[in-house]
C-alpha atoms as a PDB file:
ATOM      1  CA  MET A   1      -7.199  39.898 -11.582  1.00  0.00           C
ATOM      2  CA  TYR A   2      -6.364  38.011 -14.743  1.00  0.00           C
ATOM      3  CA  SER A   3      -3.948  39.635 -17.162  1.00  0.00           C
ATOM      4  CA  ASN A   4      -4.980  40.026 -20.788  1.00  0.00           C
ATOM      5  CA  VAL A   5      -2.810  37.043 -21.803  1.00  0.00           C
ATOM      6  CA  LYS A   6      -4.331  34.785 -19.144  1.00  0.00           C
ATOM      7  CA  VAL A   7      -7.832  35.748 -20.202  1.00  0.00           C
ATOM      8  CA  LYS A   8      -7.017  34.815 -23.776  1.00  0.00           C
ATOM      9  CA  LEU A   9      -5.462  31.525 -22.756  1.00  0.00           C
ATOM     10  CA  LEU A  10      -8.509  30.726 -20.669  1.00  0.00           C
ATOM     11  CA  PHE A  11     -10.802  31.380 -23.587  1.00  0.00           C
ATOM     12  CA  ILE A  12      -8.608  29.223 -25.844  1.00  0.00           C
ATOM     13  CA  MET A  13      -9.088  26.312 -23.451  1.00  0.00           C
ATOM     14  CA  ILE A  14     -12.851  26.951 -23.362  1.00  0.00           C
ATOM     15  CA  LEU A  15     -13.011  26.998 -27.163  1.00  0.00           C
ATOM     16  CA  PHE A  16     -11.186  23.705 -27.464  1.00  0.00           C
ATOM     17  CA  VAL A  17     -13.573  22.165 -24.924  1.00  0.00           C
ATOM     18  CA  ILE A  18     -16.524  23.508 -26.911  1.00  0.00           C
ATOM     19  CA  TRP A  19     -15.078  22.102 -30.127  1.00  0.00           C
ATOM     20  CA  ASN A  20     -14.448  18.645 -28.640  1.00  0.00           C
ATOM     21  CA  MET A  21     -17.776  18.421 -26.797  1.00  0.00           C
ATOM     22  CA  VAL A  22     -20.064  20.102 -29.313  1.00  0.00           C
ATOM     23  CA  THR A  23     -18.848  19.941 -32.902  1.00  0.00           C
ATOM     24  CA  SER A  24     -18.169  16.206 -33.209  1.00  0.00           C
ATOM     25  CA  PRO A  25     -21.059  14.565 -31.330  1.00  0.00           C
ATOM     26  CA  PHE A  26     -23.650  17.159 -32.331  1.00  0.00           C
ATOM     27  CA  ALA A  27     -22.632  16.935 -35.991  1.00  0.00           C
ATOM     28  CA  PHE A  28     -23.081  13.160 -35.835  1.00  0.00           C
ATOM     29  CA  TYR A  29     -26.370  13.529 -33.947  1.00  0.00           C
ATOM     30  CA  ASN A  30     -27.562  16.090 -36.461  1.00  0.00           C
ATOM     31  CA  LEU A  31     -26.886  13.764 -39.379  1.00  0.00           C
ATOM     32  CA  THR A  32     -28.254  10.546 -37.897  1.00  0.00           C
ATOM     33  CA  ILE A  33     -31.036  11.393 -35.458  1.00  0.00           C
ATOM     34  CA  ILE A  34     -32.735  14.685 -36.349  1.00  0.00           C
ATOM     35  CA  PRO A  35     -34.735  14.306 -39.606  1.00  0.00           C
ATOM     36  CA  ILE A  36     -34.158  17.735 -41.145  1.00  0.00           C
ATOM     37  CA  VAL A  37     -33.631  19.018 -44.669  1.00  0.00           C
ATOM     38  CA  ARG A  38     -30.060  20.136 -44.007  1.00  0.00           C
ATOM     39  CA  SER A  39     -28.922  16.673 -42.965  1.00  0.00           C
ATOM     40  CA  HIS A  40     -27.619  16.143 -46.536  1.00  0.00           C
ATOM     41  CA  ARG A  41     -24.333  17.640 -45.438  1.00  0.00           C
ATOM     42  CA  MET A  42     -21.521  15.107 -45.123  1.00  0.00           C
ATOM     43  CA  PHE A  43     -20.250  14.297 -41.654  1.00  0.00           C
ATOM     44  CA  TYR A  44     -16.636  15.106 -42.469  1.00  0.00           C
ATOM     45  CA  THR A  45     -17.504  18.550 -43.852  1.00  0.00           C
ATOM     46  CA  VAL A  46     -19.655  19.423 -40.827  1.00  0.00           C
ATOM     47  CA  TYR A  47     -16.808  18.180 -38.670  1.00  0.00           C
ATOM     48  CA  SER A  48     -14.166  20.184 -40.576  1.00  0.00           C
ATOM     49  CA  SER A  49     -16.383  23.278 -40.496  1.00  0.00           C
ATOM     50  CA  GLY A  50     -16.311  23.028 -36.707  1.00  0.00           C
ATOM     51  CA  ILE A  51     -12.505  22.995 -36.865  1.00  0.00           C
ATOM     52  CA  VAL A  52     -12.511  26.066 -39.140  1.00  0.00           C
ATOM     53  CA  LEU A  53     -14.907  27.945 -36.884  1.00  0.00           C
ATOM     54  CA  SER A  54     -12.863  27.055 -33.790  1.00  0.00           C
ATOM     55  CA  ILE A  55      -9.640  28.274 -35.424  1.00  0.00           C
ATOM     56  CA  LEU A  56     -11.337  31.510 -36.509  1.00  0.00           C
ATOM     57  CA  SER A  57     -12.658  31.966 -32.972  1.00  0.00           C
ATOM     58  CA  ILE A  58      -9.155  31.583 -31.505  1.00  0.00           C
ATOM     59  CA  ILE A  59      -7.738  34.048 -34.053  1.00  0.00           C
ATOM     60  CA  ALA A  60     -10.515  36.545 -33.274  1.00  0.00           C
ATOM     61  CA  MET A  61     -10.047  36.099 -29.551  1.00  0.00           C
ATOM     62  CA  CYS A  62      -6.287  36.663 -29.781  1.00  0.00           C
ATOM     63  CA  MET A  63      -6.890  39.887 -31.728  1.00  0.00           C
ATOM     64  CA  THR A  64      -9.282  41.198 -29.065  1.00  0.00           C
ATOM     65  CA  ASP A  65      -8.165  43.619 -26.381  1.00  0.00           C
ATOM     66  CA  PHE A  66     -10.664  42.710 -23.667  1.00  0.00           C
ATOM     67  CA  GLU A  67      -9.436  45.384 -21.286  1.00  0.00           C
ATOM     68  CA  LYS A  68     -10.335  48.240 -23.641  1.00  0.00           C
ATOM     69  CA  LEU A  69     -13.787  47.027 -24.575  1.00  0.00           C
ATOM     70  CA  LYS A  70     -16.875  48.727 -23.193  1.00  0.00           C
ATOM     71  CA  LYS A  71     -19.888  47.014 -21.644  1.00  0.00           C
ATOM     72  CA  LYS A  72     -22.031  47.868 -24.677  1.00  0.00           C
ATOM     73  CA  ASP A  73     -19.558  45.989 -26.898  1.00  0.00           C
ATOM     74  CA  TYR A  74     -20.117  42.825 -24.862  1.00  0.00           C
ATOM     75  CA  TYR A  75     -23.898  43.332 -24.894  1.00  0.00           C
ATOM     76  CA  ILE A  76     -23.927  43.666 -28.708  1.00  0.00           C
ATOM     77  CA  ALA A  77     -21.648  40.623 -29.077  1.00  0.00           C
ATOM     78  CA  ILE A  78     -23.920  38.572 -26.807  1.00  0.00           C
ATOM     79  CA  PHE A  79     -26.973  39.712 -28.790  1.00  0.00           C
ATOM     80  CA  PHE A  80     -25.387  38.585 -32.078  1.00  0.00           C
ATOM     81  CA  ALA A  81     -24.390  35.242 -30.529  1.00  0.00           C
ATOM     82  CA  LEU A  82     -27.858  34.623 -29.074  1.00  0.00           C
ATOM     83  CA  VAL A  83     -29.554  35.331 -32.405  1.00  0.00           C
ATOM     84  CA  THR A  84     -27.104  32.893 -34.042  1.00  0.00           C
ATOM     85  CA  LEU A  85     -28.280  30.242 -31.586  1.00  0.00           C
ATOM     86  CA  PHE A  86     -31.975  30.656 -32.501  1.00  0.00           C
ATOM     87  CA  PRO A  87     -32.015  27.738 -35.039  1.00  0.00           C
ATOM     88  CA  ILE A  88     -31.441  25.303 -32.170  1.00  0.00           C
ATOM     89  CA  LEU A  89     -34.925  26.214 -30.882  1.00  0.00           C
ATOM     90  CA  VAL A  90     -36.468  24.702 -34.019  1.00  0.00           C
ATOM     91  CA  ASN A  91     -33.912  21.907 -34.433  1.00  0.00           C
ATOM     92  CA  ALA A  92     -32.614  23.571 -37.597  1.00  0.00           C
ATOM     93  CA  SER A  93     -28.909  23.061 -36.941  1.00  0.00           C
ATOM     94  CA  SER A  94     -26.602  22.267 -34.078  1.00  0.00           C
ATOM     95  CA  ALA A  95     -23.797  23.986 -36.074  1.00  0.00           C
ATOM     96  CA  SER A  96     -25.238  27.208 -34.656  1.00  0.00           C
ATOM     97  CA  ILE A  97     -23.268  26.611 -31.443  1.00  0.00           C
ATOM     98  CA  PRO A  98     -19.703  26.963 -32.852  1.00  0.00           C
ATOM     99  CA  PHE A  99     -20.965  29.693 -35.211  1.00  0.00           C
ATOM    100  CA  ALA A 100     -22.284  31.630 -32.215  1.00  0.00           C
ATOM    101  CA  VAL A 101     -18.819  31.453 -30.664  1.00  0.00           C
ATOM    102  CA  ILE A 102     -17.073  32.916 -33.728  1.00  0.00           C
ATOM    103  CA  THR A 103     -19.823  35.548 -34.055  1.00  0.00           C
ATOM    104  CA  PHE A 104     -19.255  36.624 -30.441  1.00  0.00           C
ATOM    105  CA  PHE A 105     -15.469  36.830 -30.705  1.00  0.00           C
ATOM    106  CA  GLY A 106     -15.566  38.084 -34.286  1.00  0.00           C
ATOM    107  CA  TYR A 107     -17.560  41.120 -33.228  1.00  0.00           C
ATOM    108  CA  LEU A 108     -15.331  41.861 -30.226  1.00  0.00           C
ATOM    109  CA  ALA A 109     -12.228  41.562 -32.402  1.00  0.00           C
ATOM    110  CA  SER A 110     -13.835  43.878 -34.953  1.00  0.00           C
ATOM    111  CA  VAL A 111     -14.418  46.521 -32.274  1.00  0.00           C
ATOM    112  CA  THR A 112     -10.803  46.212 -31.125  1.00  0.00           C
ATOM    113  CA  LEU A 113      -9.450  46.538 -34.662  1.00  0.00           C
ATOM    114  CA  ALA A 114     -11.876  49.363 -35.475  1.00  0.00           C
ATOM    115  CA  ASN A 115     -10.443  51.381 -32.583  1.00  0.00           C
ATOM    116  CA  GLU A 116      -7.024  51.084 -34.210  1.00  0.00           C
ATOM    117  CA  SER A 117      -8.177  51.969 -37.723  1.00  0.00           C
ATOM    118  CA  THR A 118      -9.386  55.087 -39.491  1.00  0.00           C
ATOM    119  CA  TYR A 119     -11.494  52.959 -41.801  1.00  0.00           C
ATOM    120  CA  LYS A 120     -14.793  51.777 -40.368  1.00  0.00           C
ATOM    121  CA  MET A 121     -17.712  49.487 -41.163  1.00  0.00           C
ATOM    122  CA  PRO A 122     -20.496  50.769 -38.877  1.00  0.00           C
ATOM    123  CA  ILE A 123     -23.514  48.695 -37.931  1.00  0.00           C
ATOM    124  CA  PHE A 124     -25.749  51.751 -38.542  1.00  0.00           C
ATOM    125  CA  THR A 125     -24.949  54.917 -40.431  1.00  0.00           C
ATOM    126  CA  SER A 126     -27.355  56.620 -38.046  1.00  0.00           C
ATOM    127  CA  THR A 127     -30.036  55.473 -35.612  1.00  0.00           C
ATOM    128  CA  LYS A 128     -32.442  58.209 -36.702  1.00  0.00           C
ATOM    129  CA  PHE A 129     -35.788  56.908 -37.964  1.00  0.00           C
ATOM    130  CA  ARG A 130     -35.324  58.511 -41.371  1.00  0.00           C
ATOM    131  CA  ASP A 131     -31.963  56.830 -41.939  1.00  0.00           C
ATOM    132  CA  ILE A 132     -33.179  53.413 -40.748  1.00  0.00           C
ATOM    133  CA  ALA A 133     -36.244  53.705 -42.987  1.00  0.00           C
ATOM    134  CA  PHE A 134     -33.916  54.532 -45.899  1.00  0.00           C
ATOM    135  CA  ASP A 135     -31.791  51.490 -45.076  1.00  0.00           C
ATOM    136  CA  ILE A 136     -34.859  49.232 -45.096  1.00  0.00           C
ATOM    137  CA  GLY A 137     -36.055  50.644 -48.439  1.00  0.00           C
ATOM    138  CA  LEU A 138     -32.579  50.289 -49.895  1.00  0.00           C
ATOM    139  CA  SER A 139     -32.398  46.675 -48.706  1.00  0.00           C
ATOM    140  CA  ILE A 140     -35.709  45.779 -50.372  1.00  0.00           C
ATOM    141  CA  ALA A 141     -34.666  47.479 -53.626  1.00  0.00           C
ATOM    142  CA  VAL A 142     -31.281  45.723 -53.679  1.00  0.00           C
ATOM    143  CA  THR A 143     -32.921  42.344 -52.962  1.00  0.00           C
ATOM    144  CA  ILE A 144     -35.382  42.769 -55.825  1.00  0.00           C
ATOM    145  CA  GLY A 145     -32.569  43.776 -58.162  1.00  0.00           C
ATOM    146  CA  TYR A 146     -30.481  40.787 -57.129  1.00  0.00           C
ATOM    147  CA  PHE A 147     -33.285  38.286 -57.824  1.00  0.00           C
ATOM    148  CA  ILE A 148     -34.030  39.855 -61.191  1.00  0.00           C
ATOM    149  CA  PHE A 149     -30.354  39.572 -62.128  1.00  0.00           C
ATOM    150  CA  MET A 150     -30.216  35.981 -60.802  1.00  0.00           C
ATOM    151  CA  PHE A 151     -33.191  34.930 -62.930  1.00  0.00           C
ATOM    152  CA  ILE A 152     -31.607  36.565 -65.990  1.00  0.00           C
ATOM    153  CA  LEU A 153     -28.381  34.705 -65.283  1.00  0.00           C
ATOM    154  CA  GLY A 154     -30.302  31.419 -65.047  1.00  0.00           C
ATOM    155  CA  GLY A 155     -28.726  28.024 -64.368  1.00  0.00           C
ATOM    156  CA  ASP A 156     -29.684  24.823 -62.563  1.00  0.00           C
ATOM    157  CA  PHE A 157     -30.276  26.488 -59.204  1.00  0.00           C
ATOM    158  CA  VAL A 158     -32.652  29.046 -60.694  1.00  0.00           C
ATOM    159  CA  ASP A 159     -34.498  26.312 -62.603  1.00  0.00           C
ATOM    160  CA  ILE A 160     -34.988  24.335 -59.377  1.00  0.00           C
ATOM    161  CA  LEU A 161     -36.135  27.504 -57.577  1.00  0.00           C
ATOM    162  CA  LEU A 162     -38.700  28.335 -60.287  1.00  0.00           C
ATOM    163  CA  LYS A 163     -40.025  24.763 -60.584  1.00  0.00           C
ATOM    164  CA  THR A 164     -40.377  24.461 -56.820  1.00  0.00           C
ATOM    165  CA  PHE A 165     -42.154  27.805 -56.630  1.00  0.00           C
ATOM    166  CA  GLN A 166     -44.604  26.754 -59.383  1.00  0.00           C
ATOM    167  CA  THR A 167     -45.316  23.489 -57.516  1.00  0.00           C
ATOM    168  CA  THR A 168     -45.511  24.523 -53.870  1.00  0.00           C
ATOM    169  CA  GLY A 169     -45.481  28.324 -53.886  1.00  0.00           C
ATOM    170  CA  VAL A 170     -44.158  30.169 -50.842  1.00  0.00           C
ATOM    171  CA  GLN A 171     -44.319  28.371 -47.478  1.00  0.00           C
ATOM    172  CA  THR A 172     -43.503  30.587 -44.520  1.00  0.00           C
ATOM    173  CA  THR A 173     -42.725  28.827 -41.232  1.00  0.00           C
ATOM    174  CA  VAL A 174     -40.983  29.831 -38.021  1.00  0.00           C
ATOM    175  CA  SER A 175     -37.905  27.929 -39.173  1.00  0.00           C
ATOM    176  CA  ASN A 176     -37.866  29.859 -42.468  1.00  0.00           C
ATOM    177  CA  ILE A 177     -37.639  33.091 -40.478  1.00  0.00           C
ATOM    178  CA  ILE A 178     -35.277  32.051 -37.682  1.00  0.00           C
ATOM    179  CA  TRP A 179     -32.723  30.300 -39.866  1.00  0.00           C
ATOM    180  CA  PRO A 180     -32.254  33.191 -42.358  1.00  0.00           C
ATOM    181  CA  LEU A 181     -32.120  35.719 -39.507  1.00  0.00           C
ATOM    182  CA  ALA A 182     -29.435  33.778 -37.646  1.00  0.00           C
ATOM    183  CA  THR A 183     -27.287  32.966 -40.653  1.00  0.00           C
ATOM    184  CA  SER A 184     -27.471  36.438 -42.188  1.00  0.00           C
ATOM    185  CA  MET A 185     -26.505  38.123 -38.939  1.00  0.00           C
ATOM    186  CA  SER A 186     -23.658  35.759 -38.036  1.00  0.00           C
ATOM    187  CA  GLU A 187     -22.235  35.506 -41.565  1.00  0.00           C
ATOM    188  CA  GLU A 188     -22.220  39.274 -42.046  1.00  0.00           C
ATOM    189  CA  VAL A 189     -20.434  39.783 -38.735  1.00  0.00           C
ATOM    190  CA  VAL A 190     -17.827  37.127 -39.558  1.00  0.00           C
ATOM    191  CA  PHE A 191     -17.395  37.304 -43.343  1.00  0.00           C
ATOM    192  CA  ARG A 192     -17.962  41.007 -43.768  1.00  0.00           C
ATOM    193  CA  MET A 193     -17.175  42.995 -40.606  1.00  0.00           C
ATOM    194  CA  PHE A 194     -14.506  40.806 -38.990  1.00  0.00           C
ATOM    195  CA  LEU A 195     -12.766  39.956 -42.286  1.00  0.00           C
ATOM    196  CA  PHE A 196     -12.886  43.639 -43.301  1.00  0.00           C
ATOM    197  CA  TYR A 197     -10.935  44.712 -40.232  1.00  0.00           C
ATOM    198  CA  VAL A 198      -8.522  41.790 -40.543  1.00  0.00           C
ATOM    199  CA  VAL A 199      -7.717  42.831 -44.112  1.00  0.00           C
ATOM    200  CA  ILE A 200      -7.209  46.437 -42.998  1.00  0.00           C
ATOM    201  CA  LYS A 201      -4.963  45.219 -40.176  1.00  0.00           C
ATOM    202  CA  LEU A 202      -2.881  43.055 -42.523  1.00  0.00           C
ATOM    203  CA  ASN A 203      -2.540  46.047 -44.838  1.00  0.00           C
ATOM    204  CA  LYS A 204      -1.035  48.012 -41.934  1.00  0.00           C
ATOM    205  CA  ASN A 205      -4.195  50.115 -41.491  1.00  0.00           C
ATOM    206  CA  GLU A 206      -3.824  51.470 -45.011  1.00  0.00           C
ATOM    207  CA  LYS A 207      -6.828  51.795 -47.302  1.00  0.00           C
ATOM    208  CA  VAL A 208      -7.504  48.804 -49.547  1.00  0.00           C
ATOM    209  CA  PRO A 209      -8.895  49.526 -53.053  1.00  0.00           C
ATOM    210  CA  PHE A 210     -12.668  49.146 -53.055  1.00  0.00           C
ATOM    211  CA  ILE A 211     -12.903  46.451 -55.746  1.00  0.00           C
ATOM    212  CA  THR A 212     -10.104  44.468 -54.132  1.00  0.00           C
ATOM    213  CA  MET A 213     -11.843  44.596 -50.748  1.00  0.00           C
ATOM    214  CA  VAL A 214     -15.181  43.509 -52.255  1.00  0.00           C
ATOM    215  CA  LEU A 215     -13.560  40.489 -53.929  1.00  0.00           C
ATOM    216  CA  ILE A 216     -11.689  39.519 -50.753  1.00  0.00           C
ATOM    217  CA  LEU A 217     -14.858  39.693 -48.643  1.00  0.00           C
ATOM    218  CA  SER A 218     -16.805  37.599 -51.162  1.00  0.00           C
ATOM    219  CA  ILE A 219     -14.527  34.610 -51.891  1.00  0.00           C
ATOM    220  CA  PRO A 220     -14.485  33.001 -48.383  1.00  0.00           C
ATOM    221  CA  PHE A 221     -18.230  33.566 -48.155  1.00  0.00           C
ATOM    222  CA  ALA A 222     -18.899  31.686 -51.406  1.00  0.00           C
ATOM    223  CA  LEU A 223     -16.518  28.810 -50.617  1.00  0.00           C
ATOM    224  CA  TRP A 224     -18.006  28.380 -47.151  1.00  0.00           C
ATOM    225  CA  HIS A 225     -21.519  27.829 -48.511  1.00  0.00           C
ATOM    226  CA  ARG A 226     -20.537  24.990 -50.812  1.00  0.00           C
ATOM    227  CA  ILE A 227     -17.644  23.390 -48.939  1.00  0.00           C
ATOM    228  CA  ASP A 228     -19.355  19.995 -48.668  1.00  0.00           C
ATOM    229  CA  GLN A 229     -20.288  19.747 -52.343  1.00  0.00           C
ATOM    230  CA  MET A 230     -16.821  20.974 -53.323  1.00  0.00           C
ATOM    231  CA  PHE A 231     -15.107  18.253 -51.269  1.00  0.00           C
ATOM    232  CA  HIS A 232     -17.525  15.587 -52.447  1.00  0.00           C
ATOM    233  CA  SER A 233     -17.881  16.381 -56.177  1.00  0.00           C
ATOM    234  CA  GLY A 234     -15.123  18.864 -57.017  1.00  0.00           C
ATOM    235  CA  ILE A 235     -15.072  22.619 -57.620  1.00  0.00           C
ATOM    236  CA  ILE A 236     -16.367  22.316 -61.202  1.00  0.00           C
ATOM    237  CA  TYR A 237     -19.615  20.805 -59.892  1.00  0.00           C
ATOM    238  CA  ILE A 238     -20.414  23.881 -57.813  1.00  0.00           C
ATOM    239  CA  MET A 239     -19.366  26.521 -60.354  1.00  0.00           C
ATOM    240  CA  ASN A 240     -22.862  27.581 -61.463  1.00  0.00           C
ATOM    241  CA  GLU A 241     -24.424  27.816 -58.011  1.00  0.00           C
ATOM    242  CA  GLY A 242     -21.129  29.025 -56.569  1.00  0.00           C
ATOM    243  CA  ILE A 243     -21.116  31.976 -58.939  1.00  0.00           C
ATOM    244  CA  ILE A 244     -24.625  32.956 -57.815  1.00  0.00           C
ATOM    245  CA  ILE A 245     -23.529  32.802 -54.170  1.00  0.00           C
ATOM    246  CA  TYR A 246     -20.362  34.749 -55.008  1.00  0.00           C
ATOM    247  CA  LEU A 247     -22.431  37.438 -56.688  1.00  0.00           C
ATOM    248  CA  GLY A 248     -24.588  37.558 -53.589  1.00  0.00           C
ATOM    249  CA  GLY A 249     -21.436  37.970 -51.493  1.00  0.00           C
ATOM    250  CA  ILE A 250     -20.352  40.833 -53.765  1.00  0.00           C
ATOM    251  CA  ILE A 251     -23.693  42.579 -53.270  1.00  0.00           C
ATOM    252  CA  PHE A 252     -23.587  42.125 -49.495  1.00  0.00           C
ATOM    253  CA  SER A 253     -20.008  43.430 -49.442  1.00  0.00           C
ATOM    254  CA  VAL A 254     -20.805  46.462 -51.593  1.00  0.00           C
ATOM    255  CA  VAL A 255     -23.741  47.604 -49.414  1.00  0.00           C
ATOM    256  CA  ALA A 256     -21.745  46.939 -46.226  1.00  0.00           C
ATOM    257  CA  LEU A 257     -18.825  49.029 -47.488  1.00  0.00           C
ATOM    258  CA  LYS A 258     -20.897  51.776 -49.079  1.00  0.00           C
ATOM    259  CA  ARG A 259     -23.662  52.019 -46.494  1.00  0.00           C
ATOM    260  CA  ASN A 260     -23.451  49.888 -43.307  1.00  0.00           C
ATOM    261  CA  LEU A 261     -23.602  46.382 -41.898  1.00  0.00           C
ATOM    262  CA  PHE A 262     -27.313  46.606 -41.127  1.00  0.00           C
ATOM    263  CA  VAL A 263     -28.209  46.913 -44.815  1.00  0.00           C
ATOM    264  CA  ALA A 264     -25.957  43.926 -45.616  1.00  0.00           C
ATOM    265  CA  ILE A 265     -27.653  41.865 -42.881  1.00  0.00           C
ATOM    266  CA  LEU A 266     -31.117  42.841 -44.072  1.00  0.00           C
ATOM    267  CA  VAL A 267     -30.417  42.143 -47.764  1.00  0.00           C
ATOM    268  CA  HIS A 268     -28.840  38.830 -46.777  1.00  0.00           C
ATOM    269  CA  PHE A 269     -31.867  37.982 -44.607  1.00  0.00           C
ATOM    270  CA  LEU A 270     -34.396  38.820 -47.328  1.00  0.00           C
ATOM    271  CA  ASN A 271     -32.446  36.758 -49.844  1.00  0.00           C
ATOM    272  CA  ASN A 272     -32.244  33.714 -47.538  1.00  0.00           C
ATOM    273  CA  PHE A 273     -35.854  34.104 -46.404  1.00  0.00           C
ATOM    274  CA  ILE A 274     -37.208  34.063 -49.964  1.00  0.00           C
ATOM    275  CA  ILE A 275     -35.118  31.045 -50.961  1.00  0.00           C
ATOM    276  CA  GLU A 276     -35.923  29.168 -47.741  1.00  0.00           C
ATOM    277  CA  SER A 277     -39.641  29.868 -48.102  1.00  0.00           C
ATOM    278  CA  ILE A 278     -39.636  28.360 -51.595  1.00  0.00           C
ATOM    279  CA  LEU A 279     -37.199  25.442 -51.318  1.00  0.00           C
ATOM    280  CA  PHE A 280     -37.776  24.286 -47.733  1.00  0.00           C
END
């Protein structure tokens, strides 16, 4: 029977193998062979994102107490990871593979840290039909409010969105459903739930002020989404669109902290789905 340390070391070796065998060649393949919209991303940023995801996976894995986890925890982690892999089915992105790894370990680490903390970020407030229906209604209302605010704020990204909508309208495809579902679920697990418990852990399981926590959960999320443009053109170039993404991160963080992770995932999904259906 492997000890906890040996299990962790074994997973570290597996992660490095995954990084070496998947991130580099698939990133190159994705940028040179598969003719997809997202192939505008630079090779070195896709490559470095694989490094970041691998490091995060190792950190998450080392924070996980595998011996104290329940079977349902593994089932939920596997479910999140499998959904994250869905884009591969429509050739949307091979980056889903390393992201599925961090989603899997990020959730397990979150469960471990949650067991040590009095502060929680539940997936559901309740599984009763009434509460889930409320969560869905709240998600729709928040999404509408966010888009209204985004249009009032304006900027280049909003102009492109409006012009594209006037030209092509809304185009719903399987890819425009699968991609938003996978990214919203994985990003909320990693950037909201996992990061939330890491912050609580670093603060010695003491409560972090609400506004401070919201800002902390939003900054990495915004930077991650525009890492390639930032490296290529500088941080000033991405300020306008980056602010919109950061505001989105703030909204996702607020609903996750005030309600639950399910609402954050659903608002995130609706936001991505609408944008994907217009732009792609």
